[in-house]
Amino acid sequence: MTLHTINIDLPADILLTLNESEEELKKRIKISLAIQLYAQQKVTIGKAAQIAELSRLQFETLLSEHKIPISLLELDDILGDIEKLK
């Protein structure tokens, strides 16, 4: 997997304020971004797990802890799929 680096500016005292290391903050940002992009249906669950640097199972567990549905399919989508399979 090829990575792309994006720099963001944060207040100089953010690590002290959060009482976190730079690595912990990076992890938190990646996980938050992945959850947000998945919830907005911008990326698949697999891609979101990849962004968060978690296994799919770990990411699904995280979604569950945040009360975010693992499947974003609507009932009409499911019924349509059933019809296609007949």
PDB file of N, CA and C in Angstrom:
ATOM      1  N   MET A   1       0.842  -1.164   0.000  1.00  0.00           N
ATOM      2  CA  MET A   1       0.000   0.000   0.000  1.00  0.00           C
ATOM      3  C   MET A   1       0.895   1.237   0.000  1.00  0.00           C
ATOM      4  N   THR A   2       0.641   2.122  -0.922  1.00  0.00           N
ATOM      5  CA  THR A   2       1.357   3.379  -0.987  1.00  0.00           C
ATOM      6  C   THR A   2       0.703   4.382  -0.040  1.00  0.00           C
ATOM      7  N   LEU A   3       1.530   5.093   0.696  1.00  0.00           N
ATOM      8  CA  LEU A   3       1.014   6.072   1.645  1.00  0.00           C
ATOM      9  C   LEU A   3       1.217   7.481   1.127  1.00  0.00           C
ATOM     10  N   HIS A   4       0.345   8.371   1.534  1.00  0.00           N
ATOM     11  CA  HIS A   4       0.443   9.784   1.200  1.00  0.00           C
ATOM     12  C   HIS A   4       0.472  10.554   2.517  1.00  0.00           C
ATOM     13  N   THR A   5       1.423  11.437   2.680  1.00  0.00           N
ATOM     14  CA  THR A   5       1.551  12.209   3.903  1.00  0.00           C
ATOM     15  C   THR A   5       0.840  13.544   3.757  1.00  0.00           C
ATOM     16  N   ILE A   6       0.029  13.867   4.757  1.00  0.00           N
ATOM     17  CA  ILE A   6      -0.672  15.146   4.809  1.00  0.00           C
ATOM     18  C   ILE A   6      -0.304  15.810   6.131  1.00  0.00           C
ATOM     19  N   ASN A   7       0.153  17.030   6.066  1.00  0.00           N
ATOM     20  CA  ASN A   7       0.511  17.770   7.272  1.00  0.00           C
ATOM     21  C   ASN A   7      -0.646  18.673   7.679  1.00  0.00           C
ATOM     22  N   ILE A   8      -0.917  18.695   8.973  1.00  0.00           N
ATOM     23  CA  ILE A   8      -1.938  19.615   9.489  1.00  0.00           C
ATOM     24  C   ILE A   8      -1.321  20.426  10.625  1.00  0.00           C
ATOM     25  N   ASP A   9      -1.752  21.650  10.758  1.00  0.00           N
ATOM     26  CA  ASP A   9      -1.248  22.511  11.816  1.00  0.00           C
ATOM     27  C   ASP A   9      -2.186  22.446  13.013  1.00  0.00           C
ATOM     28  N   LEU A  10      -1.588  22.241  14.180  1.00  0.00           N
ATOM     29  CA  LEU A  10      -2.335  22.201  15.436  1.00  0.00           C
ATOM     30  C   LEU A  10      -1.666  23.153  16.420  1.00  0.00           C
ATOM     31  N   PRO A  11      -2.398  23.595  17.431  1.00  0.00           N
ATOM     32  CA  PRO A  11      -1.776  24.460  18.439  1.00  0.00           C
ATOM     33  C   PRO A  11      -0.555  23.777  19.066  1.00  0.00           C
ATOM     34  N   ALA A  12       0.457  24.570  19.363  1.00  0.00           N
ATOM     35  CA  ALA A  12       1.713  24.031  19.876  1.00  0.00           C
ATOM     36  C   ALA A  12       1.543  23.240  21.173  1.00  0.00           C
ATOM     37  N   ASP A  13       0.545  23.588  21.977  1.00  0.00           N
ATOM     38  CA  ASP A  13       0.374  22.928  23.275  1.00  0.00           C
ATOM     39  C   ASP A  13      -0.631  21.781  23.260  1.00  0.00           C
ATOM     40  N   ILE A  14      -1.031  21.330  22.087  1.00  0.00           N
ATOM     41  CA  ILE A  14      -2.080  20.293  22.000  1.00  0.00           C
ATOM     42  C   ILE A  14      -1.681  18.992  22.695  1.00  0.00           C
ATOM     43  N   LEU A  15      -0.419  18.584  22.544  1.00  0.00           N
ATOM     44  CA  LEU A  15       0.011  17.326  23.179  1.00  0.00           C
ATOM     45  C   LEU A  15      -0.028  17.452  24.697  1.00  0.00           C
ATOM     46  N   LEU A  16       0.380  18.601  25.198  1.00  0.00           N
ATOM     47  CA  LEU A  16       0.337  18.842  26.641  1.00  0.00           C
ATOM     48  C   LEU A  16      -1.109  18.899  27.129  1.00  0.00           C
ATOM     49  N   THR A  17      -1.953  19.582  26.364  1.00  0.00           N
ATOM     50  CA  THR A  17      -3.367  19.707  26.735  1.00  0.00           C
ATOM     51  C   THR A  17      -4.036  18.341  26.803  1.00  0.00           C
ATOM     52  N   LEU A  18      -3.752  17.490  25.814  1.00  0.00           N
ATOM     53  CA  LEU A  18      -4.373  16.167  25.759  1.00  0.00           C
ATOM     54  C   LEU A  18      -3.644  15.131  26.607  1.00  0.00           C
ATOM     55  N   ASN A  19      -2.443  15.484  27.061  1.00  0.00           N
ATOM     56  CA  ASN A  19      -1.601  14.557  27.805  1.00  0.00           C
ATOM     57  C   ASN A  19      -1.372  13.275  26.998  1.00  0.00           C
ATOM     58  N   GLU A  20      -1.011  13.474  25.725  1.00  0.00           N
ATOM     59  CA  GLU A  20      -0.760  12.351  24.814  1.00  0.00           C
ATOM     60  C   GLU A  20       0.560  12.558  24.099  1.00  0.00           C
ATOM     61  N   SER A  21       1.111  11.465  23.620  1.00  0.00           N
ATOM     62  CA  SER A  21       2.300  11.552  22.781  1.00  0.00           C
ATOM     63  C   SER A  21       1.864  11.889  21.360  1.00  0.00           C
ATOM     64  N   GLU A  22       2.812  12.247  20.535  1.00  0.00           N
ATOM     65  CA  GLU A  22       2.503  12.542  19.137  1.00  0.00           C
ATOM     66  C   GLU A  22       1.922  11.309  18.441  1.00  0.00           C
ATOM     67  N   GLU A  23       2.466  10.141  18.750  1.00  0.00           N
ATOM     68  CA  GLU A  23       1.962   8.904  18.149  1.00  0.00           C
ATOM     69  C   GLU A  23       0.521   8.614  18.570  1.00  0.00           C
ATOM     70  N   GLU A  24       0.210   8.840  19.826  1.00  0.00           N
ATOM     71  CA  GLU A  24      -1.159   8.632  20.309  1.00  0.00           C
ATOM     72  C   GLU A  24      -2.135   9.573  19.616  1.00  0.00           C
ATOM     73  N   LEU A  25      -1.722  10.821  19.440  1.00  0.00           N
ATOM     74  CA  LEU A  25      -2.584  11.786  18.763  1.00  0.00           C
ATOM     75  C   LEU A  25      -2.776  11.414  17.300  1.00  0.00           C
ATOM     76  N   LYS A  26      -1.708  10.981  16.630  1.00  0.00           N
ATOM     77  CA  LYS A  26      -1.826  10.545  15.224  1.00  0.00           C
ATOM     78  C   LYS A  26      -2.816   9.391  15.111  1.00  0.00           C
ATOM     79  N   LYS A  27      -2.717   8.436  16.023  1.00  0.00           N
ATOM     80  CA  LYS A  27      -3.622   7.282  16.016  1.00  0.00           C
ATOM     81  C   LYS A  27      -5.059   7.743  16.219  1.00  0.00           C
ATOM     82  N   ARG A  28      -5.269   8.648  17.177  1.00  0.00           N
ATOM     83  CA  ARG A  28      -6.607   9.165  17.459  1.00  0.00           C
ATOM     84  C   ARG A  28      -7.188   9.869  16.233  1.00  0.00           C
ATOM     85  N   ILE A  29      -6.377  10.663  15.563  1.00  0.00           N
ATOM     86  CA  ILE A  29      -6.828  11.394  14.379  1.00  0.00           C
ATOM     87  C   ILE A  29      -7.191  10.431  13.259  1.00  0.00           C
ATOM     88  N   LYS A  30      -6.360   9.413  13.042  1.00  0.00           N
ATOM     89  CA  LYS A  30      -6.642   8.430  11.983  1.00  0.00           C
ATOM     90  C   LYS A  30      -7.943   7.680  12.262  1.00  0.00           C
ATOM     91  N   ILE A  31      -8.132   7.275  13.502  1.00  0.00           N
ATOM     92  CA  ILE A  31      -9.351   6.541  13.867  1.00  0.00           C
ATOM     93  C   ILE A  31     -10.575   7.441  13.719  1.00  0.00           C
ATOM     94  N   SER A  32     -10.468   8.680  14.193  1.00  0.00           N
ATOM     95  CA  SER A  32     -11.594   9.621  14.081  1.00  0.00           C
ATOM     96  C   SER A  32     -11.941   9.883  12.620  1.00  0.00           C
ATOM     97  N   LEU A  33     -10.931  10.070  11.793  1.00  0.00           N
ATOM     98  CA  LEU A  33     -11.154  10.303  10.366  1.00  0.00           C
ATOM     99  C   LEU A  33     -11.822   9.089   9.732  1.00  0.00           C
ATOM    100  N   ALA A  34     -11.340   7.913  10.045  1.00  0.00           N
ATOM    101  CA  ALA A  34     -11.907   6.685   9.475  1.00  0.00           C
ATOM    102  C   ALA A  34     -13.376   6.523   9.863  1.00  0.00           C
ATOM    103  N   ILE A  35     -13.687   6.742  11.123  1.00  0.00           N
ATOM    104  CA  ILE A  35     -15.074   6.621  11.593  1.00  0.00           C
ATOM    105  C   ILE A  35     -15.953   7.632  10.865  1.00  0.00           C
ATOM    106  N   GLN A  36     -15.490   8.864  10.782  1.00  0.00           N
ATOM    107  CA  GLN A  36     -16.274   9.927  10.150  1.00  0.00           C
ATOM    108  C   GLN A  36     -16.507   9.638   8.663  1.00  0.00           C
ATOM    109  N   LEU A  37     -15.471   9.235   7.956  1.00  0.00           N
ATOM    110  CA  LEU A  37     -15.613   8.951   6.521  1.00  0.00           C
ATOM    111  C   LEU A  37     -16.546   7.765   6.280  1.00  0.00           C
ATOM    112  N   TYR A  38     -16.457   6.759   7.152  1.00  0.00           N
ATOM    113  CA  TYR A  38     -17.349   5.601   7.018  1.00  0.00           C
ATOM    114  C   TYR A  38     -18.796   6.003   7.304  1.00  0.00           C
ATOM    115  N   ALA A  39     -18.998   6.744   8.382  1.00  0.00           N
ATOM    116  CA  ALA A  39     -20.358   7.162   8.767  1.00  0.00           C
ATOM    117  C   ALA A  39     -20.999   8.029   7.686  1.00  0.00           C
ATOM    118  N   GLN A  40     -20.190   8.800   6.968  1.00  0.00           N
ATOM    119  CA  GLN A  40     -20.696   9.647   5.887  1.00  0.00           C
ATOM    120  C   GLN A  40     -20.780   8.899   4.555  1.00  0.00           C
ATOM    121  N   GLN A  41     -20.467   7.607   4.595  1.00  0.00           N
ATOM    122  CA  GLN A  41     -20.497   6.737   3.418  1.00  0.00           C
ATOM    123  C   GLN A  41     -19.550   7.217   2.317  1.00  0.00           C
ATOM    124  N   LYS A  42     -18.427   7.796   2.734  1.00  0.00           N
ATOM    125  CA  LYS A  42     -17.405   8.249   1.789  1.00  0.00           C
ATOM    126  C   LYS A  42     -16.447   7.116   1.440  1.00  0.00           C
ATOM    127  N   VAL A  43     -16.278   6.158   2.376  1.00  0.00           N
ATOM    128  CA  VAL A  43     -15.396   5.010   2.155  1.00  0.00           C
ATOM    129  C   VAL A  43     -16.082   3.736   2.659  1.00  0.00           C
ATOM    130  N   THR A  44     -15.618   2.612   2.161  1.00  0.00           N
ATOM    131  CA  THR A  44     -16.133   1.321   2.618  1.00  0.00           C
ATOM    132  C   THR A  44     -15.588   1.012   4.009  1.00  0.00           C
ATOM    133  N   ILE A  45     -16.169   0.012   4.631  1.00  0.00           N
ATOM    134  CA  ILE A  45     -15.699  -0.386   5.958  1.00  0.00           C
ATOM    135  C   ILE A  45     -14.256  -0.896   5.897  1.00  0.00           C
ATOM    136  N   GLY A  46     -13.921  -1.576   4.810  1.00  0.00           N
ATOM    137  CA  GLY A  46     -12.551  -2.074   4.637  1.00  0.00           C
ATOM    138  C   GLY A  46     -11.552  -0.939   4.502  1.00  0.00           C
ATOM    139  N   LYS A  47     -11.893   0.069   3.701  1.00  0.00           N
ATOM    140  CA  LYS A  47     -11.006   1.219   3.512  1.00  0.00           C
ATOM    141  C   LYS A  47     -10.889   2.011   4.813  1.00  0.00           C
ATOM    142  N   ALA A  48     -11.983   2.153   5.542  1.00  0.00           N
ATOM    143  CA  ALA A  48     -11.956   2.861   6.817  1.00  0.00           C
ATOM    144  C   ALA A  48     -11.039   2.138   7.810  1.00  0.00           C
ATOM    145  N   ALA A  49     -11.129   0.816   7.850  1.00  0.00           N
ATOM    146  CA  ALA A  49     -10.253   0.038   8.735  1.00  0.00           C
ATOM    147  C   ALA A  49      -8.793   0.257   8.348  1.00  0.00           C
ATOM    148  N   GLN A  50      -8.537   0.317   7.051  1.00  0.00           N
ATOM    149  CA  GLN A  50      -7.175   0.554   6.560  1.00  0.00           C
ATOM    150  C   GLN A  50      -6.681   1.940   6.992  1.00  0.00           C
ATOM    151  N   ILE A  51      -7.520   2.962   6.877  1.00  0.00           N
ATOM    152  CA  ILE A  51      -7.155   4.320   7.302  1.00  0.00           C
ATOM    153  C   ILE A  51      -6.833   4.332   8.798  1.00  0.00           C
ATOM    154  N   ALA A  52      -7.649   3.625   9.577  1.00  0.00           N
ATOM    155  CA  ALA A  52      -7.467   3.575  11.028  1.00  0.00           C
ATOM    156  C   ALA A  52      -6.308   2.671  11.443  1.00  0.00           C
ATOM    157  N   GLU A  53      -5.753   1.942  10.476  1.00  0.00           N
ATOM    158  CA  GLU A  53      -4.693   0.974  10.738  1.00  0.00           C
ATOM    159  C   GLU A  53      -5.127  -0.089  11.749  1.00  0.00           C
ATOM    160  N   LEU A  54      -6.356  -0.575  11.532  1.00  0.00           N
ATOM    161  CA  LEU A  54      -6.929  -1.637  12.350  1.00  0.00           C
ATOM    162  C   LEU A  54      -7.368  -2.776  11.434  1.00  0.00           C
ATOM    163  N   SER A  55      -7.515  -3.959  12.010  1.00  0.00           N
ATOM    164  CA  SER A  55      -8.120  -5.043  11.242  1.00  0.00           C
ATOM    165  C   SER A  55      -9.592  -4.709  11.053  1.00  0.00           C
ATOM    166  N   ARG A  56     -10.228  -5.372  10.119  1.00  0.00           N
ATOM    167  CA  ARG A  56     -11.646  -5.103   9.904  1.00  0.00           C
ATOM    168  C   ARG A  56     -12.451  -5.425  11.164  1.00  0.00           C
ATOM    169  N   LEU A  57     -12.126  -6.530  11.811  1.00  0.00           N
ATOM    170  CA  LEU A  57     -12.836  -6.908  13.039  1.00  0.00           C
ATOM    171  C   LEU A  57     -12.636  -5.853  14.130  1.00  0.00           C
ATOM    172  N   GLN A  58     -11.410  -5.358  14.285  1.00  0.00           N
ATOM    173  CA  GLN A  58     -11.156  -4.318  15.290  1.00  0.00           C
ATOM    174  C   GLN A  58     -11.960  -3.060  14.967  1.00  0.00           C
ATOM    175  N   PHE A  59     -12.024  -2.703  13.673  1.00  0.00           N
ATOM    176  CA  PHE A  59     -12.756  -1.501  13.290  1.00  0.00           C
ATOM    177  C   PHE A  59     -14.252  -1.692  13.509  1.00  0.00           C
ATOM    178  N   GLU A  60     -14.774  -2.869  13.178  1.00  0.00           N
ATOM    179  CA  GLU A  60     -16.198  -3.145  13.407  1.00  0.00           C
ATOM    180  C   GLU A  60     -16.521  -3.055  14.900  1.00  0.00           C
ATOM    181  N   THR A  61     -15.633  -3.552  15.736  1.00  0.00           N
ATOM    182  CA  THR A  61     -15.826  -3.466  17.188  1.00  0.00           C
ATOM    183  C   THR A  61     -15.841  -2.011  17.634  1.00  0.00           C
ATOM    184  N   LEU A  62     -14.935  -1.220  17.076  1.00  0.00           N
ATOM    185  CA  LEU A  62     -14.882   0.208  17.385  1.00  0.00           C
ATOM    186  C   LEU A  62     -16.168   0.912  16.970  1.00  0.00           C
ATOM    187  N   LEU A  63     -16.679   0.590  15.790  1.00  0.00           N
ATOM    188  CA  LEU A  63     -17.943   1.171  15.338  1.00  0.00           C
ATOM    189  C   LEU A  63     -19.063   0.813  16.309  1.00  0.00           C
ATOM    190  N   SER A  64     -19.089  -0.432  16.722  1.00  0.00           N
ATOM    191  CA  SER A  64     -20.113  -0.889  17.658  1.00  0.00           C
ATOM    192  C   SER A  64     -20.030  -0.110  18.975  1.00  0.00           C
ATOM    193  N   GLU A  65     -18.819   0.118  19.456  1.00  0.00           N
ATOM    194  CA  GLU A  65     -18.628   0.876  20.701  1.00  0.00           C
ATOM    195  C   GLU A  65     -19.117   2.320  20.558  1.00  0.00           C
ATOM    196  N   HIS A  66     -19.051   2.858  19.328  1.00  0.00           N
ATOM    197  CA  HIS A  66     -19.504   4.222  19.063  1.00  0.00           C
ATOM    198  C   HIS A  66     -20.965   4.260  18.581  1.00  0.00           C
ATOM    199  N   LYS A  67     -21.641   3.111  18.667  1.00  0.00           N
ATOM    200  CA  LYS A  67     -23.054   3.008  18.263  1.00  0.00           C
ATOM    201  C   LYS A  67     -23.276   3.385  16.796  1.00  0.00           C
ATOM    202  N   ILE A  68     -22.300   3.025  15.942  1.00  0.00           N
ATOM    203  CA  ILE A  68     -22.405   3.258  14.505  1.00  0.00           C
ATOM    204  C   ILE A  68     -22.664   1.906  13.850  1.00  0.00           C
ATOM    205  N   PRO A  69     -23.727   1.798  13.042  1.00  0.00           N
ATOM    206  CA  PRO A  69     -24.046   0.516  12.415  1.00  0.00           C
ATOM    207  C   PRO A  69     -22.901   0.005  11.537  1.00  0.00           C
ATOM    208  N   ILE A  70     -22.677  -1.293  11.592  1.00  0.00           N
ATOM    209  CA  ILE A  70     -21.639  -1.900  10.768  1.00  0.00           C
ATOM    210  C   ILE A  70     -22.081  -1.938   9.310  1.00  0.00           C
ATOM    211  N   SER A  71     -23.355  -2.118   9.082  1.00  0.00           N
ATOM    212  CA  SER A  71     -23.900  -2.104   7.724  1.00  0.00           C
ATOM    213  C   SER A  71     -24.741  -0.854   7.546  1.00  0.00           C
ATOM    214  N   LEU A  72     -24.471  -0.136   6.478  1.00  0.00           N
ATOM    215  CA  LEU A  72     -25.224   1.080   6.198  1.00  0.00           C
ATOM    216  C   LEU A  72     -26.282   0.849   5.121  1.00  0.00           C
ATOM    217  N   LEU A  73     -26.563  -0.425   4.848  1.00  0.00           N
ATOM    218  CA  LEU A  73     -27.560  -0.748   3.834  1.00  0.00           C
ATOM    219  C   LEU A  73     -28.962  -0.404   4.336  1.00  0.00           C
ATOM    220  N   GLU A  74     -29.756   0.119   3.446  1.00  0.00           N
ATOM    221  CA  GLU A  74     -31.157   0.390   3.740  1.00  0.00           C
ATOM    222  C   GLU A  74     -31.975  -0.853   3.399  1.00  0.00           C
ATOM    223  N   LEU A  75     -33.176  -0.961   3.926  1.00  0.00           N
ATOM    224  CA  LEU A  75     -34.045  -2.103   3.672  1.00  0.00           C
ATOM    225  C   LEU A  75     -34.276  -2.288   2.174  1.00  0.00           C
ATOM    226  N   ASP A  76     -34.485  -1.200   1.439  1.00  0.00           N
ATOM    227  CA  ASP A  76     -34.697  -1.293  -0.009  1.00  0.00           C
ATOM    228  C   ASP A  76     -33.492  -1.900  -0.707  1.00  0.00           C
ATOM    229  N   ASP A  77     -32.283  -1.573  -0.244  1.00  0.00           N
ATOM    230  CA  ASP A  77     -31.073  -2.150  -0.827  1.00  0.00           C
ATOM    231  C   ASP A  77     -31.049  -3.661  -0.626  1.00  0.00           C
ATOM    232  N   ILE A  78     -31.385  -4.091   0.563  1.00  0.00           N
ATOM    233  CA  ILE A  78     -31.374  -5.525   0.885  1.00  0.00           C
ATOM    234  C   ILE A  78     -32.432  -6.262   0.072  1.00  0.00           C
ATOM    235  N   LEU A  79     -33.637  -5.695   0.014  1.00  0.00           N
ATOM    236  CA  LEU A  79     -34.697  -6.338  -0.768  1.00  0.00           C
ATOM    237  C   LEU A  79     -34.334  -6.401  -2.255  1.00  0.00           C
ATOM    238  N   GLY A  80     -33.703  -5.345  -2.760  1.00  0.00           N
ATOM    239  CA  GLY A  80     -33.248  -5.344  -4.146  1.00  0.00           C
ATOM    240  C   GLY A  80     -32.220  -6.427  -4.401  1.00  0.00           C
ATOM    241  N   ASP A  81     -31.296  -6.612  -3.475  1.00  0.00           N
ATOM    242  CA  ASP A  81     -30.288  -7.662  -3.606  1.00  0.00           C
ATOM    243  C   ASP A  81     -30.940  -9.047  -3.599  1.00  0.00           C
ATOM    244  N   ILE A  82     -31.942  -9.233  -2.743  1.00  0.00           N
ATOM    245  CA  ILE A  82     -32.644 -10.513  -2.688  1.00  0.00           C
ATOM    246  C   ILE A  82     -33.306 -10.809  -4.032  1.00  0.00           C
ATOM    247  N   GLU A  83     -33.919  -9.798  -4.613  1.00  0.00           N
ATOM    248  CA  GLU A  83     -34.573  -9.968  -5.925  1.00  0.00           C
ATOM    249  C   GLU A  83     -33.567 -10.346  -7.009  1.00  0.00           C
ATOM    250  N   LYS A  84     -32.402  -9.728  -6.964  1.00  0.00           N
ATOM    251  CA  LYS A  84     -31.369 -10.013  -7.951  1.00  0.00           C
ATOM    252  C   LYS A  84     -30.873 -11.446  -7.838  1.00  0.00           C
ATOM    253  N   LEU A  85     -30.851 -11.970  -6.614  1.00  0.00           N
ATOM    254  CA  LEU A  85     -30.366 -13.321  -6.387  1.00  0.00           C
ATOM    255  C   LEU A  85     -31.345 -14.409  -6.793  1.00  0.00           C
ATOM    256  N   LYS A  86     -32.609 -14.050  -6.997  1.00  0.00           N
ATOM    257  CA  LYS A  86     -33.622 -15.036  -7.373  1.00  0.00           C
ATOM    258  C   LYS A  86     -33.467 -15.468  -8.799  1.00  0.00           C
TER     259      LYS A  86
END
